[in-house]
Each structure stands twice: as structure tokens, then as C-alpha cells.
Amino acid sequence: MSDTFDKLKIQLALQEWPNVYFFKFIVPNNSEIIAKITALFDDGADLKYSKSKTGKYVSISAKEMMMDVDSIIERYEKAAKLKGVIAL
């Protein structure tokens, strides 16, 4: 696991799992990157998209039932490999 997510992992470990988790990403308005972020989530995830005022970026929000902390960190690590993606 990356040191980048150590603090988040500690905070998430205080919660009970499985639980619904809310992910939010800001990505360039690029269909390939949007598709790759969307592909990180299961079909049952509640996904919402919102364009920035200028249309240069898209906010992607996702709520999904997560089984454990490690699966959340894994999603963030995969998203972090995509150029221009900001995880909130």
C-alpha cells in the first residue's frame, strides 16, 4: 500500500464494514478517463456526473457498498494512476 493512503486507511479502520462509501473524483473532461474511472465501480454503484462551469472538468461521485477498507484503498490507488485525476 502506498504511504499516500496510510492516513485514510487508519480513519476508515475505525468504521464498521461492510458499509456504503462515498467516492468523489475530479477528472479532465475526457471520455477515456471518465470511462476508466467509471469502470472502477460495480454495476450497482450510484454514479453521478457534474461538469465544471467551463466544461474542462467533470466531477464523478459514486456511492457503493464496500466490504472492507482494503478494497477502498485499492480503488484510490487505481484512480491515482490515471493522469489528471484528483481524488477528494
PDB file of N, CA and C in Angstrom:
ATOM      1  N   MET A   1       0.843  -1.187   0.000  1.00  0.00           N
ATOM      2  CA  MET A   1       0.000   0.000   0.000  1.00  0.00           C
ATOM      3  C   MET A   1       0.877   1.235   0.000  1.00  0.00           C
ATOM      4  N   SER A   2       0.443   2.226  -0.688  1.00  0.00           N
ATOM      5  CA  SER A   2       1.168   3.481  -0.780  1.00  0.00           C
ATOM      6  C   SER A   2       1.040   4.276   0.520  1.00  0.00           C
ATOM      7  N   ASP A   3       2.108   4.979   0.878  1.00  0.00           N
ATOM      8  CA  ASP A   3       2.076   5.840   2.056  1.00  0.00           C
ATOM      9  C   ASP A   3       1.032   6.941   1.922  1.00  0.00           C
ATOM     10  N   THR A   4       0.704   7.290   0.686  1.00  0.00           N
ATOM     11  CA  THR A   4      -0.274   8.327   0.412  1.00  0.00           C
ATOM     12  C   THR A   4      -1.608   8.027   1.087  1.00  0.00           C
ATOM     13  N   PHE A   5      -1.965   6.788   1.207  1.00  0.00           N
ATOM     14  CA  PHE A   5      -3.277   6.410   1.718  1.00  0.00           C
ATOM     15  C   PHE A   5      -3.248   5.859   3.148  1.00  0.00           C
ATOM     16  N   ASP A   6      -2.103   5.909   3.819  1.00  0.00           N
ATOM     17  CA  ASP A   6      -1.995   5.383   5.186  1.00  0.00           C
ATOM     18  C   ASP A   6      -2.964   6.075   6.148  1.00  0.00           C
ATOM     19  N   LYS A   7      -3.015   7.395   6.092  1.00  0.00           N
ATOM     20  CA  LYS A   7      -3.887   8.164   7.000  1.00  0.00           C
ATOM     21  C   LYS A   7      -5.361   7.810   6.761  1.00  0.00           C
ATOM     22  N   LEU A   8      -5.752   7.721   5.486  1.00  0.00           N
ATOM     23  CA  LEU A   8      -7.124   7.357   5.155  1.00  0.00           C
ATOM     24  C   LEU A   8      -7.450   5.963   5.672  1.00  0.00           C
ATOM     25  N   LYS A   9      -6.525   5.043   5.495  1.00  0.00           N
ATOM     26  CA  LYS A   9      -6.754   3.664   5.949  1.00  0.00           C
ATOM     27  C   LYS A   9      -6.988   3.622   7.462  1.00  0.00           C
ATOM     28  N   ILE A  10      -6.220   4.398   8.212  1.00  0.00           N
ATOM     29  CA  ILE A  10      -6.398   4.439   9.668  1.00  0.00           C
ATOM     30  C   ILE A  10      -7.775   4.983  10.026  1.00  0.00           C
ATOM     31  N   GLN A  11      -8.197   6.046   9.348  1.00  0.00           N
ATOM     32  CA  GLN A  11      -9.515   6.632   9.618  1.00  0.00           C
ATOM     33  C   GLN A  11     -10.644   5.660   9.258  1.00  0.00           C
ATOM     34  N   LEU A  12     -10.505   4.991   8.135  1.00  0.00           N
ATOM     35  CA  LEU A  12     -11.552   4.062   7.700  1.00  0.00           C
ATOM     36  C   LEU A  12     -11.631   2.830   8.599  1.00  0.00           C
ATOM     37  N   ALA A  13     -10.516   2.437   9.173  1.00  0.00           N
ATOM     38  CA  ALA A  13     -10.488   1.254  10.041  1.00  0.00           C
ATOM     39  C   ALA A  13     -11.332   1.450  11.299  1.00  0.00           C
ATOM     40  N   LEU A  14     -11.639   2.694  11.638  1.00  0.00           N
ATOM     41  CA  LEU A  14     -12.460   2.986  12.814  1.00  0.00           C
ATOM     42  C   LEU A  14     -13.944   2.721  12.566  1.00  0.00           C
ATOM     43  N   GLN A  15     -14.327   2.584  11.300  1.00  0.00           N
ATOM     44  CA  GLN A  15     -15.726   2.341  10.950  1.00  0.00           C
ATOM     45  C   GLN A  15     -16.000   0.840  10.840  1.00  0.00           C
ATOM     46  N   GLU A  16     -17.280   0.502  10.885  1.00  0.00           N
ATOM     47  CA  GLU A  16     -17.681  -0.902  10.708  1.00  0.00           C
ATOM     48  C   GLU A  16     -17.866  -1.193   9.227  1.00  0.00           C
ATOM     49  N   TRP A  17     -17.440  -2.381   8.811  1.00  0.00           N
ATOM     50  CA  TRP A  17     -17.552  -2.810   7.405  1.00  0.00           C
ATOM     51  C   TRP A  17     -18.235  -4.153   7.350  1.00  0.00           C
ATOM     52  N   PRO A  18     -19.048  -4.412   6.339  1.00  0.00           N
ATOM     53  CA  PRO A  18     -19.326  -3.622   5.142  1.00  0.00           C
ATOM     54  C   PRO A  18     -20.166  -2.380   5.455  1.00  0.00           C
ATOM     55  N   ASN A  19     -20.005  -1.386   4.561  1.00  0.00           N
ATOM     56  CA  ASN A  19     -20.694  -0.117   4.711  1.00  0.00           C
ATOM     57  C   ASN A  19     -20.711   0.585   3.355  1.00  0.00           C
ATOM     58  N   VAL A  20     -21.638   1.532   3.198  1.00  0.00           N
ATOM     59  CA  VAL A  20     -21.682   2.322   1.973  1.00  0.00           C
ATOM     60  C   VAL A  20     -20.583   3.380   2.076  1.00  0.00           C
ATOM     61  N   TYR A  21     -19.800   3.515   0.998  1.00  0.00           N
ATOM     62  CA  TYR A  21     -18.721   4.500   0.978  1.00  0.00           C
ATOM     63  C   TYR A  21     -18.953   5.460  -0.184  1.00  0.00           C
ATOM     64  N   PHE A  22     -18.638   6.732   0.046  1.00  0.00           N
ATOM     65  CA  PHE A  22     -18.812   7.783  -0.953  1.00  0.00           C
ATOM     66  C   PHE A  22     -17.455   8.177  -1.531  1.00  0.00           C
ATOM     67  N   PHE A  23     -17.282   7.964  -2.822  1.00  0.00           N
ATOM     68  CA  PHE A  23     -16.072   8.344  -3.539  1.00  0.00           C
ATOM     69  C   PHE A  23     -16.363   9.615  -4.342  1.00  0.00           C
ATOM     70  N   LYS A  24     -15.366  10.472  -4.489  1.00  0.00           N
ATOM     71  CA  LYS A  24     -15.521  11.630  -5.362  1.00  0.00           C
ATOM     72  C   LYS A  24     -14.196  11.904  -6.065  1.00  0.00           C
ATOM     73  N   PHE A  25     -14.288  12.080  -7.376  1.00  0.00           N
ATOM     74  CA  PHE A  25     -13.126  12.350  -8.205  1.00  0.00           C
ATOM     75  C   PHE A  25     -13.404  13.549  -9.104  1.00  0.00           C
ATOM     76  N   ILE A  26     -12.380  14.348  -9.334  1.00  0.00           N
ATOM     77  CA  ILE A  26     -12.432  15.416 -10.329  1.00  0.00           C
ATOM     78  C   ILE A  26     -11.498  14.970 -11.451  1.00  0.00           C
ATOM     79  N   VAL A  27     -12.036  14.919 -12.662  1.00  0.00           N
ATOM     80  CA  VAL A  27     -11.248  14.424 -13.798  1.00  0.00           C
ATOM     81  C   VAL A  27     -11.365  15.392 -14.970  1.00  0.00           C
ATOM     82  N   PRO A  28     -10.349  15.412 -15.840  1.00  0.00           N
ATOM     83  CA  PRO A  28     -10.480  16.198 -17.073  1.00  0.00           C
ATOM     84  C   PRO A  28     -11.673  15.680 -17.878  1.00  0.00           C
ATOM     85  N   ASN A  29     -12.328  16.580 -18.581  1.00  0.00           N
ATOM     86  CA  ASN A  29     -13.480  16.186 -19.398  1.00  0.00           C
ATOM     87  C   ASN A  29     -12.974  15.454 -20.642  1.00  0.00           C
ATOM     88  N   ASN A  30     -12.601  14.204 -20.413  1.00  0.00           N
ATOM     89  CA  ASN A  30     -12.022  13.345 -21.435  1.00  0.00           C
ATOM     90  C   ASN A  30     -12.745  12.005 -21.337  1.00  0.00           C
ATOM     91  N   SER A  31     -13.404  11.597 -22.396  1.00  0.00           N
ATOM     92  CA  SER A  31     -14.248  10.398 -22.335  1.00  0.00           C
ATOM     93  C   SER A  31     -13.469   9.140 -21.940  1.00  0.00           C
ATOM     94  N   GLU A  32     -12.206   9.046 -22.328  1.00  0.00           N
ATOM     95  CA  GLU A  32     -11.403   7.868 -21.977  1.00  0.00           C
ATOM     96  C   GLU A  32     -11.151   7.804 -20.461  1.00  0.00           C
ATOM     97  N   ILE A  33     -10.777   8.933 -19.866  1.00  0.00           N
ATOM     98  CA  ILE A  33     -10.516   8.963 -18.425  1.00  0.00           C
ATOM     99  C   ILE A  33     -11.812   8.749 -17.644  1.00  0.00           C
ATOM    100  N   ILE A  34     -12.888   9.370 -18.084  1.00  0.00           N
ATOM    101  CA  ILE A  34     -14.190   9.190 -17.421  1.00  0.00           C
ATOM    102  C   ILE A  34     -14.582   7.717 -17.457  1.00  0.00           C
ATOM    103  N   ALA A  35     -14.391   7.064 -18.592  1.00  0.00           N
ATOM    104  CA  ALA A  35     -14.727   5.642 -18.729  1.00  0.00           C
ATOM    105  C   ALA A  35     -13.878   4.787 -17.790  1.00  0.00           C
ATOM    106  N   LYS A  36     -12.597   5.120 -17.654  1.00  0.00           N
ATOM    107  CA  LYS A  36     -11.718   4.338 -16.779  1.00  0.00           C
ATOM    108  C   LYS A  36     -12.106   4.502 -15.309  1.00  0.00           C
ATOM    109  N   ILE A  37     -12.485   5.704 -14.898  1.00  0.00           N
ATOM    110  CA  ILE A  37     -12.935   5.907 -13.517  1.00  0.00           C
ATOM    111  C   ILE A  37     -14.247   5.163 -13.295  1.00  0.00           C
ATOM    112  N   THR A  38     -15.166   5.292 -14.217  1.00  0.00           N
ATOM    113  CA  THR A  38     -16.465   4.618 -14.113  1.00  0.00           C
ATOM    114  C   THR A  38     -16.292   3.104 -14.026  1.00  0.00           C
ATOM    115  N   ALA A  39     -15.322   2.564 -14.743  1.00  0.00           N
ATOM    116  CA  ALA A  39     -15.075   1.114 -14.756  1.00  0.00           C
ATOM    117  C   ALA A  39     -14.565   0.593 -13.413  1.00  0.00           C
ATOM    118  N   LEU A  40     -14.115   1.476 -12.534  1.00  0.00           N
ATOM    119  CA  LEU A  40     -13.656   1.051 -11.208  1.00  0.00           C
ATOM    120  C   LEU A  40     -14.801   0.576 -10.322  1.00  0.00           C
ATOM    121  N   PHE A  41     -16.031   0.928 -10.699  1.00  0.00           N
ATOM    122  CA  PHE A  41     -17.192   0.652  -9.860  1.00  0.00           C
ATOM    123  C   PHE A  41     -18.079  -0.444 -10.435  1.00  0.00           C
ATOM    124  N   ASP A  42     -18.736  -1.171  -9.538  1.00  0.00           N
ATOM    125  CA  ASP A  42     -19.653  -2.238  -9.929  1.00  0.00           C
ATOM    126  C   ASP A  42     -20.922  -1.648 -10.543  1.00  0.00           C
ATOM    127  N   ASP A  43     -21.687  -2.492 -11.210  1.00  0.00           N
ATOM    128  CA  ASP A  43     -22.934  -2.050 -11.839  1.00  0.00           C
ATOM    129  C   ASP A  43     -23.924  -1.467 -10.836  1.00  0.00           C
ATOM    130  N   GLY A  44     -23.888  -1.917  -9.597  1.00  0.00           N
ATOM    131  CA  GLY A  44     -24.832  -1.456  -8.582  1.00  0.00           C
ATOM    132  C   GLY A  44     -24.468  -0.125  -7.943  1.00  0.00           C
ATOM    133  N   ALA A  45     -23.327   0.438  -8.289  1.00  0.00           N
ATOM    134  CA  ALA A  45     -22.897   1.715  -7.699  1.00  0.00           C
ATOM    135  C   ALA A  45     -23.773   2.855  -8.203  1.00  0.00           C
ATOM    136  N   ASP A  46     -24.032   3.809  -7.329  1.00  0.00           N
ATOM    137  CA  ASP A  46     -24.801   5.009  -7.669  1.00  0.00           C
ATOM    138  C   ASP A  46     -23.806   6.070  -8.143  1.00  0.00           C
ATOM    139  N   LEU A  47     -23.741   6.284  -9.463  1.00  0.00           N
ATOM    140  CA  LEU A  47     -22.796   7.235 -10.054  1.00  0.00           C
ATOM    141  C   LEU A  47     -23.503   8.510 -10.475  1.00  0.00           C
ATOM    142  N   LYS A  48     -22.848   9.661 -10.201  1.00  0.00           N
ATOM    143  CA  LYS A  48     -23.382  10.960 -10.625  1.00  0.00           C
ATOM    144  C   LYS A  48     -22.242  11.754 -11.239  1.00  0.00           C
ATOM    145  N   TYR A  49     -22.590  12.489 -12.298  1.00  0.00           N
ATOM    146  CA  TYR A  49     -21.603  13.277 -13.032  1.00  0.00           C
ATOM    147  C   TYR A  49     -22.034  14.735 -13.046  1.00  0.00           C
ATOM    148  N   SER A  50     -21.061  15.632 -12.937  1.00  0.00           N
ATOM    149  CA  SER A  50     -21.361  17.062 -12.982  1.00  0.00           C
ATOM    150  C   SER A  50     -20.193  17.777 -13.643  1.00  0.00           C
ATOM    151  N   LYS A  51     -20.479  18.541 -14.713  1.00  0.00           N
ATOM    152  CA  LYS A  51     -19.427  19.286 -15.410  1.00  0.00           C
ATOM    153  C   LYS A  51     -19.135  20.584 -14.663  1.00  0.00           C
ATOM    154  N   SER A  52     -17.874  21.028 -14.756  1.00  0.00           N
ATOM    155  CA  SER A  52     -17.498  22.319 -14.190  1.00  0.00           C
ATOM    156  C   SER A  52     -18.118  23.432 -15.042  1.00  0.00           C
ATOM    157  N   LYS A  53     -18.089  24.650 -14.536  1.00  0.00           N
ATOM    158  CA  LYS A  53     -18.664  25.783 -15.275  1.00  0.00           C
ATOM    159  C   LYS A  53     -18.048  25.948 -16.650  1.00  0.00           C
ATOM    160  N   THR A  54     -16.743  25.749 -16.737  1.00  0.00           N
ATOM    161  CA  THR A  54     -16.056  25.919 -18.023  1.00  0.00           C
ATOM    162  C   THR A  54     -16.136  24.672 -18.897  1.00  0.00           C
ATOM    163  N   GLY A  55     -16.547  23.542 -18.305  1.00  0.00           N
ATOM    164  CA  GLY A  55     -16.640  22.301 -19.056  1.00  0.00           C
ATOM    165  C   GLY A  55     -15.321  21.563 -19.194  1.00  0.00           C
ATOM    166  N   LYS A  56     -14.253  22.065 -18.551  1.00  0.00           N
ATOM    167  CA  LYS A  56     -12.946  21.427 -18.660  1.00  0.00           C
ATOM    168  C   LYS A  56     -12.819  20.201 -17.767  1.00  0.00           C
ATOM    169  N   TYR A  57     -13.638  20.143 -16.722  1.00  0.00           N
ATOM    170  CA  TYR A  57     -13.551  19.051 -15.751  1.00  0.00           C
ATOM    171  C   TYR A  57     -14.920  18.442 -15.488  1.00  0.00           C
ATOM    172  N   VAL A  58     -14.900  17.202 -14.999  1.00  0.00           N
ATOM    173  CA  VAL A  58     -16.126  16.509 -14.615  1.00  0.00           C
ATOM    174  C   VAL A  58     -15.926  15.971 -13.208  1.00  0.00           C
ATOM    175  N   SER A  59     -16.914  16.200 -12.364  1.00  0.00           N
ATOM    176  CA  SER A  59     -16.921  15.628 -11.020  1.00  0.00           C
ATOM    177  C   SER A  59     -17.677  14.299 -11.105  1.00  0.00           C
ATOM    178  N   ILE A  60     -17.053  13.249 -10.612  1.00  0.00           N
ATOM    179  CA  ILE A  60     -17.700  11.935 -10.594  1.00  0.00           C
ATOM    180  C   ILE A  60     -17.864  11.524  -9.141  1.00  0.00           C
ATOM    181  N   SER A  61     -19.113  11.351  -8.720  1.00  0.00           N
ATOM    182  CA  SER A  61     -19.421  10.905  -7.363  1.00  0.00           C
ATOM    183  C   SER A  61     -19.985   9.501  -7.438  1.00  0.00           C
ATOM    184  N   ALA A  62     -19.571   8.664  -6.512  1.00  0.00           N
ATOM    185  CA  ALA A  62     -20.044   7.279  -6.513  1.00  0.00           C
ATOM    186  C   ALA A  62     -20.303   6.815  -5.089  1.00  0.00           C
ATOM    187  N   LYS A  63     -21.457   6.189  -4.898  1.00  0.00           N
ATOM    188  CA  LYS A  63     -21.767   5.535  -3.625  1.00  0.00           C
ATOM    189  C   LYS A  63     -21.865   4.043  -3.910  1.00  0.00           C
ATOM    190  N   GLU A  64     -21.129   3.284  -3.109  1.00  0.00           N
ATOM    191  CA  GLU A  64     -21.135   1.843  -3.322  1.00  0.00           C
ATOM    192  C   GLU A  64     -20.929   1.115  -1.996  1.00  0.00           C
ATOM    193  N   MET A  65     -21.556  -0.047  -1.872  1.00  0.00           N
ATOM    194  CA  MET A  65     -21.356  -0.893  -0.695  1.00  0.00           C
ATOM    195  C   MET A  65     -19.967  -1.500  -0.783  1.00  0.00           C
ATOM    196  N   MET A  66     -19.139  -1.184   0.206  1.00  0.00           N
ATOM    197  CA  MET A  66     -17.768  -1.694   0.222  1.00  0.00           C
ATOM    198  C   MET A  66     -17.636  -2.694   1.363  1.00  0.00           C
ATOM    199  N   MET A  67     -16.909  -3.770   1.106  1.00  0.00           N
ATOM    200  CA  MET A  67     -16.780  -4.852   2.075  1.00  0.00           C
ATOM    201  C   MET A  67     -15.722  -4.589   3.140  1.00  0.00           C
ATOM    202  N   ASP A  68     -14.652  -3.864   2.745  1.00  0.00           N
ATOM    203  CA  ASP A  68     -13.566  -3.628   3.704  1.00  0.00           C
ATOM    204  C   ASP A  68     -12.730  -2.424   3.292  1.00  0.00           C
ATOM    205  N   VAL A  69     -11.855  -2.004   4.177  1.00  0.00           N
ATOM    206  CA  VAL A  69     -11.001  -0.841   3.949  1.00  0.00           C
ATOM    207  C   VAL A  69     -10.049  -1.067   2.775  1.00  0.00           C
ATOM    208  N   ASP A  70      -9.485  -2.239   2.673  1.00  0.00           N
ATOM    209  CA  ASP A  70      -8.505  -2.514   1.610  1.00  0.00           C
ATOM    210  C   ASP A  70      -9.099  -2.344   0.209  1.00  0.00           C
ATOM    211  N   SER A  71     -10.368  -2.694   0.038  1.00  0.00           N
ATOM    212  CA  SER A  71     -10.990  -2.545  -1.284  1.00  0.00           C
ATOM    213  C   SER A  71     -11.174  -1.063  -1.636  1.00  0.00           C
ATOM    214  N   ILE A  72     -11.367  -0.215  -0.637  1.00  0.00           N
ATOM    215  CA  ILE A  72     -11.476   1.228  -0.876  1.00  0.00           C
ATOM    216  C   ILE A  72     -10.119   1.784  -1.285  1.00  0.00           C
ATOM    217  N   ILE A  73      -9.093   1.435  -0.544  1.00  0.00           N
ATOM    218  CA  ILE A  73      -7.743   1.902  -0.846  1.00  0.00           C
ATOM    219  C   ILE A  73      -7.308   1.438  -2.234  1.00  0.00           C
ATOM    220  N   GLU A  74      -7.667   0.215  -2.579  1.00  0.00           N
ATOM    221  CA  GLU A  74      -7.334  -0.326  -3.900  1.00  0.00           C
ATOM    222  C   GLU A  74      -7.941   0.531  -5.010  1.00  0.00           C
ATOM    223  N   ARG A  75      -9.180   0.978  -4.827  1.00  0.00           N
ATOM    224  CA  ARG A  75      -9.827   1.836  -5.837  1.00  0.00           C
ATOM    225  C   ARG A  75      -9.081   3.154  -5.978  1.00  0.00           C
ATOM    226  N   TYR A  76      -8.732   3.758  -4.840  1.00  0.00           N
ATOM    227  CA  TYR A  76      -7.997   5.023  -4.888  1.00  0.00           C
ATOM    228  C   TYR A  76      -6.634   4.852  -5.563  1.00  0.00           C
ATOM    229  N   GLU A  77      -5.953   3.762  -5.304  1.00  0.00           N
ATOM    230  CA  GLU A  77      -4.648   3.515  -5.924  1.00  0.00           C
ATOM    231  C   GLU A  77      -4.773   3.368  -7.435  1.00  0.00           C
ATOM    232  N   LYS A  78      -5.825   2.685  -7.894  1.00  0.00           N
ATOM    233  CA  LYS A  78      -6.043   2.538  -9.336  1.00  0.00           C
ATOM    234  C   LYS A  78      -6.359   3.891  -9.973  1.00  0.00           C
ATOM    235  N   ALA A  79      -7.185   4.691  -9.304  1.00  0.00           N
ATOM    236  CA  ALA A  79      -7.549   6.006  -9.835  1.00  0.00           C
ATOM    237  C   ALA A  79      -6.334   6.931  -9.876  1.00  0.00           C
ATOM    238  N   ALA A  80      -5.458   6.811  -8.887  1.00  0.00           N
ATOM    239  CA  ALA A  80      -4.277   7.679  -8.811  1.00  0.00           C
ATOM    240  C   ALA A  80      -3.315   7.446  -9.979  1.00  0.00           C
ATOM    241  N   LYS A  81      -3.402   6.323 -10.639  1.00  0.00           N
ATOM    242  CA  LYS A  81      -2.532   6.017 -11.777  1.00  0.00           C
ATOM    243  C   LYS A  81      -2.988   6.725 -13.046  1.00  0.00           C
ATOM    244  N   LEU A  82      -4.206   7.267 -13.040  1.00  0.00           N
ATOM    245  CA  LEU A  82      -4.733   7.946 -14.218  1.00  0.00           C
ATOM    246  C   LEU A  82      -4.329   9.419 -14.211  1.00  0.00           C
ATOM    247  N   LYS A  83      -3.836   9.900 -15.327  1.00  0.00           N
ATOM    248  CA  LYS A  83      -3.333  11.260 -15.437  1.00  0.00           C
ATOM    249  C   LYS A  83      -4.464  12.279 -15.268  1.00  0.00           C
ATOM    250  N   GLY A  84      -4.219  13.253 -14.381  1.00  0.00           N
ATOM    251  CA  GLY A  84      -5.166  14.358 -14.206  1.00  0.00           C
ATOM    252  C   GLY A  84      -6.288  14.097 -13.229  1.00  0.00           C
ATOM    253  N   VAL A  85      -6.348  12.934 -12.621  1.00  0.00           N
ATOM    254  CA  VAL A  85      -7.432  12.589 -11.699  1.00  0.00           C
ATOM    255  C   VAL A  85      -7.102  13.098 -10.302  1.00  0.00           C
ATOM    256  N   ILE A  86      -8.076  13.769  -9.690  1.00  0.00           N
ATOM    257  CA  ILE A  86      -7.948  14.258  -8.325  1.00  0.00           C
ATOM    258  C   ILE A  86      -8.993  13.525  -7.485  1.00  0.00           C
ATOM    259  N   ALA A  87      -8.560  12.864  -6.433  1.00  0.00           N
ATOM    260  CA  ALA A  87      -9.471  12.166  -5.521  1.00  0.00           C
ATOM    261  C   ALA A  87      -9.757  13.071  -4.333  1.00  0.00           C
ATOM    262  N   LEU A  88     -11.025  13.206  -4.003  1.00  0.00           N
ATOM    263  CA  LEU A  88     -11.408  14.025  -2.837  1.00  0.00           C
ATOM    264  C   LEU A  88     -11.885  13.159  -1.714  1.00  0.00           C
TER     265      LEU A  88
END
